[in-house]
Amino acid sequence: MRYPVEMIVELLSSAMTTDEVLIDCSDLERDDVLAALEFAAMATRTRSIIQINAA
């Protein structure tokens, strides 16, 4: 079964521990949770910062 990254991150952000997520989603492994976090970090990474001066 596939779980959306959003769901895994949401569970962790609601104060569930990794172990609790693994119990609720018994077909996931610890590496799957870590991979979801890695993907979320990559997807939200800022490539560059552009300073905008107010006129």
C-alpha atoms as a PDB file:
ATOM      1  CA  MET A   1       0.000   0.000   0.000  1.00  0.00           C
ATOM      2  CA  ARG A   2       1.196   3.519  -0.770  1.00  0.00           C
ATOM      3  CA  TYR A   3       0.862   6.424   1.636  1.00  0.00           C
ATOM      4  CA  PRO A   4       1.051  10.054   0.527  1.00  0.00           C
ATOM      5  CA  VAL A   5       4.038  11.948   1.919  1.00  0.00           C
ATOM      6  CA  GLU A   6       1.588  14.597   3.106  1.00  0.00           C
ATOM      7  CA  MET A   7      -0.176  12.068   5.341  1.00  0.00           C
ATOM      8  CA  ILE A   8       3.033  10.829   6.948  1.00  0.00           C
ATOM      9  CA  VAL A   9       4.278  14.357   7.609  1.00  0.00           C
ATOM     10  CA  GLU A  10       0.854  15.336   8.974  1.00  0.00           C
ATOM     11  CA  LEU A  11       0.869  12.389  11.393  1.00  0.00           C
ATOM     12  CA  LEU A  12       4.333  13.305  12.634  1.00  0.00           C
ATOM     13  CA  SER A  13       3.407  16.982  12.968  1.00  0.00           C
ATOM     14  CA  SER A  14       0.417  16.018  15.115  1.00  0.00           C
ATOM     15  CA  ALA A  15       2.907  14.798  17.742  1.00  0.00           C
ATOM     16  CA  MET A  16       2.813  11.119  16.785  1.00  0.00           C
ATOM     17  CA  THR A  17       6.157   9.417  17.155  1.00  0.00           C
ATOM     18  CA  THR A  18       7.703   7.428  14.358  1.00  0.00           C
ATOM     19  CA  ASP A  19       6.937   4.265  16.311  1.00  0.00           C
ATOM     20  CA  GLU A  20       3.248   5.257  16.601  1.00  0.00           C
ATOM     21  CA  VAL A  21       3.072   5.901  12.852  1.00  0.00           C
ATOM     22  CA  LEU A  22       4.636   2.498  12.216  1.00  0.00           C
ATOM     23  CA  ILE A  23       2.064   0.829  14.486  1.00  0.00           C
ATOM     24  CA  ASP A  24      -0.858   2.582  12.756  1.00  0.00           C
ATOM     25  CA  CYS A  25       0.544   1.934   9.278  1.00  0.00           C
ATOM     26  CA  SER A  26       1.861  -1.575   9.803  1.00  0.00           C
ATOM     27  CA  ASP A  27       3.048  -2.030   6.229  1.00  0.00           C
ATOM     28  CA  LEU A  28       5.445   0.931   6.524  1.00  0.00           C
ATOM     29  CA  GLU A  29       9.025   0.567   7.656  1.00  0.00           C
ATOM     30  CA  ARG A  30      11.177   3.150   9.445  1.00  0.00           C
ATOM     31  CA  ASP A  31      13.070   3.833   6.203  1.00  0.00           C
ATOM     32  CA  ASP A  32       9.759   4.675   4.489  1.00  0.00           C
ATOM     33  CA  VAL A  33       9.025   7.364   7.088  1.00  0.00           C
ATOM     34  CA  LEU A  34      12.534   8.766   6.740  1.00  0.00           C
ATOM     35  CA  ALA A  35      12.197   8.771   2.951  1.00  0.00           C
ATOM     36  CA  ALA A  36       8.926  10.704   3.226  1.00  0.00           C
ATOM     37  CA  LEU A  37      10.614  13.316   5.415  1.00  0.00           C
ATOM     38  CA  GLU A  38      13.544  13.545   3.020  1.00  0.00           C
ATOM     39  CA  PHE A  39      11.182  14.049   0.082  1.00  0.00           C
ATOM     40  CA  ALA A  40       9.193  16.710   1.975  1.00  0.00           C
ATOM     41  CA  ALA A  41      12.395  18.564   2.822  1.00  0.00           C
ATOM     42  CA  MET A  42      13.540  18.417  -0.793  1.00  0.00           C
ATOM     43  CA  ALA A  43      10.150  19.539  -2.123  1.00  0.00           C
ATOM     44  CA  THR A  44      10.049  22.578   0.156  1.00  0.00           C
ATOM     45  CA  ARG A  45      13.707  23.553  -0.162  1.00  0.00           C
ATOM     46  CA  THR A  46      14.344  27.148  -1.214  1.00  0.00           C
ATOM     47  CA  ARG A  47      16.707  27.271  -4.151  1.00  0.00           C
ATOM     48  CA  SER A  48      17.685  30.918  -3.766  1.00  0.00           C
ATOM     49  CA  ILE A  49      16.616  34.019  -1.948  1.00  0.00           C
ATOM     50  CA  ILE A  50      15.902  37.161  -3.918  1.00  0.00           C
ATOM     51  CA  GLN A  51      15.835  40.403  -1.995  1.00  0.00           C
ATOM     52  CA  ILE A  52      13.075  42.778  -3.063  1.00  0.00           C
ATOM     53  CA  ASN A  53      13.571  46.395  -2.148  1.00  0.00           C
ATOM     54  CA  ALA A  54      10.402  48.344  -1.364  1.00  0.00           C
ATOM     55  CA  ALA A  55       9.922  51.394  -3.573  1.00  0.00           C
END
